[in-house]
Amino acid sequence: MKQTGIVDRFEGDYVVVEIGNQMVNFPLAEAPAMLGEGMVVIIKDGRIVDIDQIETQRIEDDMRRRFERILGKQTNETFP
């Protein structure tokens, strides 16, 4: 069964991935080489098999837009 998760952090020899509402540890040695925090990963048969580049980019773009809106609102309120 194939599912996706988001890389939360690295702890020692493990990659901690958020899948739904759970945190699951995967061996770092078996993970893709260019893995980073916040990336969306594809999990199959209990292993991280790939990085979902398109979904990772979509989430990064969405977060960037939200951050820019927040900064824009703060800037407008501070300097009318």
PDB file of N, CA and C in Angstrom:
ATOM      1  N   MET A   1       0.827  -1.186   0.000  1.00  0.00           N
ATOM      2  CA  MET A   1       0.000   0.000   0.000  1.00  0.00           C
ATOM      3  C   MET A   1       0.873   1.252   0.000  1.00  0.00           C
ATOM      4  N   LYS A   2       0.550   2.189  -0.854  1.00  0.00           N
ATOM      5  CA  LYS A   2       1.325   3.416  -0.985  1.00  0.00           C
ATOM      6  C   LYS A   2       0.633   4.540  -0.221  1.00  0.00           C
ATOM      7  N   GLN A   3       1.420   5.320   0.520  1.00  0.00           N
ATOM      8  CA  GLN A   3       0.898   6.475   1.227  1.00  0.00           C
ATOM      9  C   GLN A   3       1.952   7.570   1.236  1.00  0.00           C
ATOM     10  N   THR A   4       1.563   8.752   1.678  1.00  0.00           N
ATOM     11  CA  THR A   4       2.505   9.862   1.743  1.00  0.00           C
ATOM     12  C   THR A   4       2.600  10.381   3.169  1.00  0.00           C
ATOM     13  N   GLY A   5       3.694  11.068   3.436  1.00  0.00           N
ATOM     14  CA  GLY A   5       3.917  11.695   4.729  1.00  0.00           C
ATOM     15  C   GLY A   5       4.836  12.886   4.550  1.00  0.00           C
ATOM     16  N   ILE A   6       5.032  13.634   5.613  1.00  0.00           N
ATOM     17  CA  ILE A   6       5.904  14.809   5.576  1.00  0.00           C
ATOM     18  C   ILE A   6       7.051  14.595   6.561  1.00  0.00           C
ATOM     19  N   VAL A   7       8.278  14.820   6.096  1.00  0.00           N
ATOM     20  CA  VAL A   7       9.453  14.674   6.961  1.00  0.00           C
ATOM     21  C   VAL A   7       9.391  15.755   8.036  1.00  0.00           C
ATOM     22  N   ASP A   8       9.346  15.326   9.278  1.00  0.00           N
ATOM     23  CA  ASP A   8       9.284  16.251  10.405  1.00  0.00           C
ATOM     24  C   ASP A   8      10.679  16.623  10.885  1.00  0.00           C
ATOM     25  N   ARG A   9      11.526  15.599  11.050  1.00  0.00           N
ATOM     26  CA  ARG A   9      12.878  15.864  11.576  1.00  0.00           C
ATOM     27  C   ARG A   9      13.746  14.616  11.411  1.00  0.00           C
ATOM     28  N   PHE A  10      15.012  14.801  11.756  1.00  0.00           N
ATOM     29  CA  PHE A  10      15.975  13.706  11.774  1.00  0.00           C
ATOM     30  C   PHE A  10      16.411  13.503  13.217  1.00  0.00           C
ATOM     31  N   GLU A  11      16.424  12.265  13.658  1.00  0.00           N
ATOM     32  CA  GLU A  11      16.882  11.927  15.016  1.00  0.00           C
ATOM     33  C   GLU A  11      17.864  10.772  14.918  1.00  0.00           C
ATOM     34  N   GLY A  12      19.134  11.084  15.075  1.00  0.00           N
ATOM     35  CA  GLY A  12      20.156  10.043  14.994  1.00  0.00           C
ATOM     36  C   GLY A  12      20.116   9.328  13.656  1.00  0.00           C
ATOM     37  N   ASP A  13      19.880   8.034  13.684  1.00  0.00           N
ATOM     38  CA  ASP A  13      19.863   7.224  12.470  1.00  0.00           C
ATOM     39  C   ASP A  13      18.465   7.075  11.876  1.00  0.00           C
ATOM     40  N   TYR A  14      17.536   7.948  12.294  1.00  0.00           N
ATOM     41  CA  TYR A  14      16.155   7.821  11.843  1.00  0.00           C
ATOM     42  C   TYR A  14      15.620   9.114  11.228  1.00  0.00           C
ATOM     43  N   VAL A  15      14.673   8.941  10.311  1.00  0.00           N
ATOM     44  CA  VAL A  15      13.898  10.034   9.746  1.00  0.00           C
ATOM     45  C   VAL A  15      12.522   9.921  10.387  1.00  0.00           C
ATOM     46  N   VAL A  16      12.054  11.006  10.995  1.00  0.00           N
ATOM     47  CA  VAL A  16      10.729  11.005  11.617  1.00  0.00           C
ATOM     48  C   VAL A  16       9.759  11.641  10.623  1.00  0.00           C
ATOM     49  N   VAL A  17       8.747  10.854  10.230  1.00  0.00           N
ATOM     50  CA  VAL A  17       7.792  11.288   9.223  1.00  0.00           C
ATOM     51  C   VAL A  17       6.403  11.366   9.837  1.00  0.00           C
ATOM     52  N   GLU A  18       5.709  12.478   9.572  1.00  0.00           N
ATOM     53  CA  GLU A  18       4.331  12.621  10.012  1.00  0.00           C
ATOM     54  C   GLU A  18       3.424  12.011   8.959  1.00  0.00           C
ATOM     55  N   ILE A  19       2.674  10.994   9.371  1.00  0.00           N
ATOM     56  CA  ILE A  19       1.714  10.337   8.492  1.00  0.00           C
ATOM     57  C   ILE A  19       0.361  10.468   9.175  1.00  0.00           C
ATOM     58  N   GLY A  20      -0.488  11.302   8.628  1.00  0.00           N
ATOM     59  CA  GLY A  20      -1.759  11.582   9.300  1.00  0.00           C
ATOM     60  C   GLY A  20      -1.474  12.275  10.609  1.00  0.00           C
ATOM     61  N   ASN A  21      -1.903  11.677  11.704  1.00  0.00           N
ATOM     62  CA  ASN A  21      -1.653  12.245  13.033  1.00  0.00           C
ATOM     63  C   ASN A  21      -0.585  11.489  13.798  1.00  0.00           C
ATOM     64  N   GLN A  22       0.178  10.647  13.106  1.00  0.00           N
ATOM     65  CA  GLN A  22       1.198   9.828  13.766  1.00  0.00           C
ATOM     66  C   GLN A  22       2.598  10.224  13.309  1.00  0.00           C
ATOM     67  N   MET A  23       3.550  10.036  14.199  1.00  0.00           N
ATOM     68  CA  MET A  23       4.959  10.194  13.855  1.00  0.00           C
ATOM     69  C   MET A  23       5.550   8.795  13.734  1.00  0.00           C
ATOM     70  N   VAL A  24       6.195   8.519  12.602  1.00  0.00           N
ATOM     71  CA  VAL A  24       6.740   7.194  12.333  1.00  0.00           C
ATOM     72  C   VAL A  24       8.226   7.331  12.024  1.00  0.00           C
ATOM     73  N   ASN A  25       9.050   6.468  12.613  1.00  0.00           N
ATOM     74  CA  ASN A  25      10.496   6.464  12.374  1.00  0.00           C
ATOM     75  C   ASN A  25      10.839   5.521  11.228  1.00  0.00           C
ATOM     76  N   PHE A  26      11.723   5.995  10.342  1.00  0.00           N
ATOM     77  CA  PHE A  26      12.251   5.183   9.251  1.00  0.00           C
ATOM     78  C   PHE A  26      13.766   5.258   9.303  1.00  0.00           C
ATOM     79  N   PRO A  27      14.455   4.161   8.988  1.00  0.00           N
ATOM     80  CA  PRO A  27      15.925   4.186   8.989  1.00  0.00           C
ATOM     81  C   PRO A  27      16.465   5.197   7.971  1.00  0.00           C
ATOM     82  N   LEU A  28      17.333   6.067   8.428  1.00  0.00           N
ATOM     83  CA  LEU A  28      17.932   7.084   7.563  1.00  0.00           C
ATOM     84  C   LEU A  28      18.741   6.446   6.443  1.00  0.00           C
ATOM     85  N   ALA A  29      19.407   5.341   6.724  1.00  0.00           N
ATOM     86  CA  ALA A  29      20.250   4.675   5.734  1.00  0.00           C
ATOM     87  C   ALA A  29      19.456   4.187   4.521  1.00  0.00           C
ATOM     88  N   GLU A  30      18.152   3.946   4.688  1.00  0.00           N
ATOM     89  CA  GLU A  30      17.321   3.451   3.591  1.00  0.00           C
ATOM     90  C   GLU A  30      16.539   4.563   2.890  1.00  0.00           C
ATOM     91  N   ALA A  31      16.691   5.803   3.344  1.00  0.00           N
ATOM     92  CA  ALA A  31      15.939   6.931   2.781  1.00  0.00           C
ATOM     93  C   ALA A  31      16.675   7.531   1.577  1.00  0.00           C
ATOM     94  N   PRO A  32      15.934   8.236   0.700  1.00  0.00           N
ATOM     95  CA  PRO A  32      16.576   8.910  -0.433  1.00  0.00           C
ATOM     96  C   PRO A  32      17.643   9.903   0.039  1.00  0.00           C
ATOM     97  N   ALA A  33      18.674  10.079  -0.758  1.00  0.00           N
ATOM     98  CA  ALA A  33      19.844  10.868  -0.369  1.00  0.00           C
ATOM     99  C   ALA A  33      19.548  12.345  -0.116  1.00  0.00           C
ATOM    100  N   MET A  34      18.711  12.967  -0.901  1.00  0.00           N
ATOM    101  CA  MET A  34      18.496  14.416  -0.805  1.00  0.00           C
ATOM    102  C   MET A  34      17.296  14.785   0.071  1.00  0.00           C
ATOM    103  N   LEU A  35      16.966  13.961   1.022  1.00  0.00           N
ATOM    104  CA  LEU A  35      15.801  14.163   1.876  1.00  0.00           C
ATOM    105  C   LEU A  35      16.019  15.331   2.825  1.00  0.00           C
ATOM    106  N   GLY A  36      14.982  16.147   3.020  1.00  0.00           N
ATOM    107  CA  GLY A  36      15.075  17.275   3.930  1.00  0.00           C
ATOM    108  C   GLY A  36      13.779  17.472   4.699  1.00  0.00           C
ATOM    109  N   GLU A  37      13.855  18.227   5.773  1.00  0.00           N
ATOM    110  CA  GLU A  37      12.676  18.502   6.581  1.00  0.00           C
ATOM    111  C   GLU A  37      11.632  19.232   5.748  1.00  0.00           C
ATOM    112  N   GLY A  38      10.366  18.846   5.941  1.00  0.00           N
ATOM    113  CA  GLY A  38       9.271  19.481   5.223  1.00  0.00           C
ATOM    114  C   GLY A  38       8.946  18.844   3.884  1.00  0.00           C
ATOM    115  N   MET A  39       9.772  17.923   3.428  1.00  0.00           N
ATOM    116  CA  MET A  39       9.521  17.273   2.138  1.00  0.00           C
ATOM    117  C   MET A  39       8.413  16.236   2.261  1.00  0.00           C
ATOM    118  N   VAL A  40       7.632  16.117   1.193  1.00  0.00           N
ATOM    119  CA  VAL A  40       6.600  15.090   1.124  1.00  0.00           C
ATOM    120  C   VAL A  40       7.247  13.837   0.558  1.00  0.00           C
ATOM    121  N   VAL A  41       7.073  12.720   1.252  1.00  0.00           N
ATOM    122  CA  VAL A  41       7.683  11.466   0.825  1.00  0.00           C
ATOM    123  C   VAL A  41       6.608  10.432   0.508  1.00  0.00           C
ATOM    124  N   ILE A  42       6.963   9.527  -0.379  1.00  0.00           N
ATOM    125  CA  ILE A  42       6.095   8.419  -0.736  1.00  0.00           C
ATOM    126  C   ILE A  42       6.578   7.187   0.015  1.00  0.00           C
ATOM    127  N   ILE A  43       5.661   6.532   0.690  1.00  0.00           N
ATOM    128  CA  ILE A  43       5.990   5.372   1.519  1.00  0.00           C
ATOM    129  C   ILE A  43       5.282   4.159   0.939  1.00  0.00           C
ATOM    130  N   LYS A  44       6.052   3.100   0.762  1.00  0.00           N
ATOM    131  CA  LYS A  44       5.486   1.860   0.234  1.00  0.00           C
ATOM    132  C   LYS A  44       6.146   0.693   0.952  1.00  0.00           C
ATOM    133  N   ASP A  45       5.352  -0.255   1.388  1.00  0.00           N
ATOM    134  CA  ASP A  45       5.849  -1.443   2.081  1.00  0.00           C
ATOM    135  C   ASP A  45       6.738  -1.096   3.277  1.00  0.00           C
ATOM    136  N   GLY A  46       6.344  -0.036   4.021  1.00  0.00           N
ATOM    137  CA  GLY A  46       7.074   0.325   5.230  1.00  0.00           C
ATOM    138  C   GLY A  46       8.402   1.013   5.008  1.00  0.00           C
ATOM    139  N   ARG A  47       8.633   1.525   3.785  1.00  0.00           N
ATOM    140  CA  ARG A  47       9.897   2.217   3.462  1.00  0.00           C
ATOM    141  C   ARG A  47       9.613   3.514   2.729  1.00  0.00           C
ATOM    142  N   ILE A  48      10.485   4.495   2.901  1.00  0.00           N
ATOM    143  CA  ILE A  48      10.415   5.718   2.101  1.00  0.00           C
ATOM    144  C   ILE A  48      11.034   5.378   0.746  1.00  0.00           C
ATOM    145  N   VAL A  49      10.223   5.435  -0.308  1.00  0.00           N
ATOM    146  CA  VAL A  49      10.725   5.032  -1.613  1.00  0.00           C
ATOM    147  C   VAL A  49      11.034   6.200  -2.531  1.00  0.00           C
ATOM    148  N   ASP A  50      10.458   7.376  -2.255  1.00  0.00           N
ATOM    149  CA  ASP A  50      10.708   8.512  -3.153  1.00  0.00           C
ATOM    150  C   ASP A  50      10.255   9.800  -2.491  1.00  0.00           C
ATOM    151  N   ILE A  51      10.629  10.912  -3.108  1.00  0.00           N
ATOM    152  CA  ILE A  51      10.197  12.240  -2.691  1.00  0.00           C
ATOM    153  C   ILE A  51       9.171  12.719  -3.709  1.00  0.00           C
ATOM    154  N   ASP A  52       8.036  13.226  -3.233  1.00  0.00           N
ATOM    155  CA  ASP A  52       7.023  13.792  -4.120  1.00  0.00           C
ATOM    156  C   ASP A  52       7.385  15.258  -4.344  1.00  0.00           C
ATOM    157  N   GLN A  53       8.157  15.503  -5.404  1.00  0.00           N
ATOM    158  CA  GLN A  53       8.672  16.847  -5.683  1.00  0.00           C
ATOM    159  C   GLN A  53       7.552  17.851  -5.945  1.00  0.00           C
ATOM    160  N   ILE A  54       6.520  17.428  -6.655  1.00  0.00           N
ATOM    161  CA  ILE A  54       5.435  18.344  -7.014  1.00  0.00           C
ATOM    162  C   ILE A  54       4.674  18.787  -5.770  1.00  0.00           C
ATOM    163  N   GLU A  55       4.310  17.850  -4.916  1.00  0.00           N
ATOM    164  CA  GLU A  55       3.574  18.195  -3.693  1.00  0.00           C
ATOM    165  C   GLU A  55       4.456  18.987  -2.732  1.00  0.00           C
ATOM    166  N   THR A  56       5.731  18.646  -2.647  1.00  0.00           N
ATOM    167  CA  THR A  56       6.660  19.401  -1.796  1.00  0.00           C
ATOM    168  C   THR A  56       6.732  20.846  -2.257  1.00  0.00           C
ATOM    169  N   GLN A  57       6.849  21.070  -3.570  1.00  0.00           N
ATOM    170  CA  GLN A  57       6.925  22.430  -4.111  1.00  0.00           C
ATOM    171  C   GLN A  57       5.627  23.187  -3.875  1.00  0.00           C
ATOM    172  N   ARG A  58       4.482  22.503  -4.022  1.00  0.00           N
ATOM    173  CA  ARG A  58       3.185  23.147  -3.805  1.00  0.00           C
ATOM    174  C   ARG A  58       3.072  23.637  -2.364  1.00  0.00           C
ATOM    175  N   ILE A  59       3.474  22.813  -1.413  1.00  0.00           N
ATOM    176  CA  ILE A  59       3.416  23.195   0.002  1.00  0.00           C
ATOM    177  C   ILE A  59       4.371  24.358   0.288  1.00  0.00           C
ATOM    178  N   GLU A  60       5.583  24.311  -0.269  1.00  0.00           N
ATOM    179  CA  GLU A  60       6.548  25.397  -0.074  1.00  0.00           C
ATOM    180  C   GLU A  60       6.008  26.714  -0.627  1.00  0.00           C
ATOM    181  N   ASP A  61       5.408  26.666  -1.818  1.00  0.00           N
ATOM    182  CA  ASP A  61       4.840  27.874  -2.424  1.00  0.00           C
ATOM    183  C   ASP A  61       3.703  28.436  -1.580  1.00  0.00           C
ATOM    184  N   ASP A  62       2.845  27.554  -1.090  1.00  0.00           N
ATOM    185  CA  ASP A  62       1.721  27.972  -0.250  1.00  0.00           C
ATOM    186  C   ASP A  62       2.226  28.629   1.032  1.00  0.00           C
ATOM    187  N   MET A  63       3.211  28.028   1.662  1.00  0.00           N
ATOM    188  CA  MET A  63       3.766  28.599   2.895  1.00  0.00           C
ATOM    189  C   MET A  63       4.436  29.948   2.635  1.00  0.00           C
ATOM    190  N   ARG A  64       5.132  30.076   1.510  1.00  0.00           N
ATOM    191  CA  ARG A  64       5.783  31.332   1.168  1.00  0.00           C
ATOM    192  C   ARG A  64       4.745  32.441   0.989  1.00  0.00           C
ATOM    193  N   ARG A  65       3.637  32.133   0.277  1.00  0.00           N
ATOM    194  CA  ARG A  65       2.574  33.121   0.074  1.00  0.00           C
ATOM    195  C   ARG A  65       1.953  33.542   1.408  1.00  0.00           C
ATOM    196  N   ARG A  66       1.727  32.583   2.298  1.00  0.00           N
ATOM    197  CA  ARG A  66       1.157  32.905   3.605  1.00  0.00           C
ATOM    198  C   ARG A  66       2.096  33.800   4.410  1.00  0.00           C
ATOM    199  N   PHE A  67       3.375  33.468   4.384  1.00  0.00           N
ATOM    200  CA  PHE A  67       4.364  34.249   5.116  1.00  0.00           C
ATOM    201  C   PHE A  67       4.431  35.672   4.570  1.00  0.00           C
ATOM    202  N   GLU A  68       4.410  35.814   3.252  1.00  0.00           N
ATOM    203  CA  GLU A  68       4.453  37.140   2.641  1.00  0.00           C
ATOM    204  C   GLU A  68       3.215  37.948   2.998  1.00  0.00           C
ATOM    205  N   ARG A  69       2.041  37.314   3.057  1.00  0.00           N
ATOM    206  CA  ARG A  69       0.817  38.023   3.458  1.00  0.00           C
ATOM    207  C   ARG A  69       0.918  38.498   4.897  1.00  0.00           C
ATOM    208  N   ILE A  70       1.459  37.639   5.762  1.00  0.00           N
ATOM    209  CA  ILE A  70       1.616  38.027   7.168  1.00  0.00           C
ATOM    210  C   ILE A  70       2.563  39.215   7.285  1.00  0.00           C
ATOM    211  N   LEU A  71       3.684  39.149   6.606  1.00  0.00           N
ATOM    212  CA  LEU A  71       4.642  40.259   6.652  1.00  0.00           C
ATOM    213  C   LEU A  71       4.042  41.519   6.073  1.00  0.00           C
ATOM    214  N   GLY A  72       3.279  41.387   5.012  1.00  0.00           N
ATOM    215  CA  GLY A  72       2.644  42.545   4.395  1.00  0.00           C
ATOM    216  C   GLY A  72       1.658  43.204   5.329  1.00  0.00           C
ATOM    217  N   LYS A  73       0.863  42.417   6.048  1.00  0.00           N
ATOM    218  CA  LYS A  73      -0.108  42.964   6.992  1.00  0.00           C
ATOM    219  C   LYS A  73       0.597  43.649   8.152  1.00  0.00           C
ATOM    220  N   GLN A  74       1.651  43.041   8.666  1.00  0.00           N
ATOM    221  CA  GLN A  74       2.390  43.645   9.773  1.00  0.00           C
ATOM    222  C   GLN A  74       3.035  44.948   9.336  1.00  0.00           C
ATOM    223  N   THR A  75       3.591  44.954   8.126  1.00  0.00           N
ATOM    224  CA  THR A  75       4.245  46.160   7.613  1.00  0.00           C
ATOM    225  C   THR A  75       3.227  47.282   7.450  1.00  0.00           C
ATOM    226  N   ASN A  76       2.045  46.990   6.899  1.00  0.00           N
ATOM    227  CA  ASN A  76       1.019  48.010   6.705  1.00  0.00           C
ATOM    228  C   ASN A  76       0.497  48.549   8.026  1.00  0.00           C
ATOM    229  N   GLU A  77       0.384  47.704   9.028  1.00  0.00           N
ATOM    230  CA  GLU A  77      -0.112  48.150  10.321  1.00  0.00           C
ATOM    231  C   GLU A  77       0.931  48.986  11.048  1.00  0.00           C
ATOM    232  N   THR A  78       2.194  48.664  10.872  1.00  0.00           N
ATOM    233  CA  THR A  78       3.264  49.375  11.560  1.00  0.00           C
ATOM    234  C   THR A  78       3.509  50.746  10.945  1.00  0.00           C
ATOM    235  N   PHE A  79       3.440  50.817   9.612  1.00  0.00           N
ATOM    236  CA  PHE A  79       3.720  52.055   8.890  1.00  0.00           C
ATOM    237  C   PHE A  79       2.507  52.408   8.029  1.00  0.00           C
ATOM    238  N   PRO A  80       1.541  53.143   8.570  1.00  0.00           N
ATOM    239  CA  PRO A  80       0.318  53.452   7.805  1.00  0.00           C
ATOM    240  C   PRO A  80       0.537  54.339   6.612  1.00  0.00           C
TER     241      PRO A  80
END
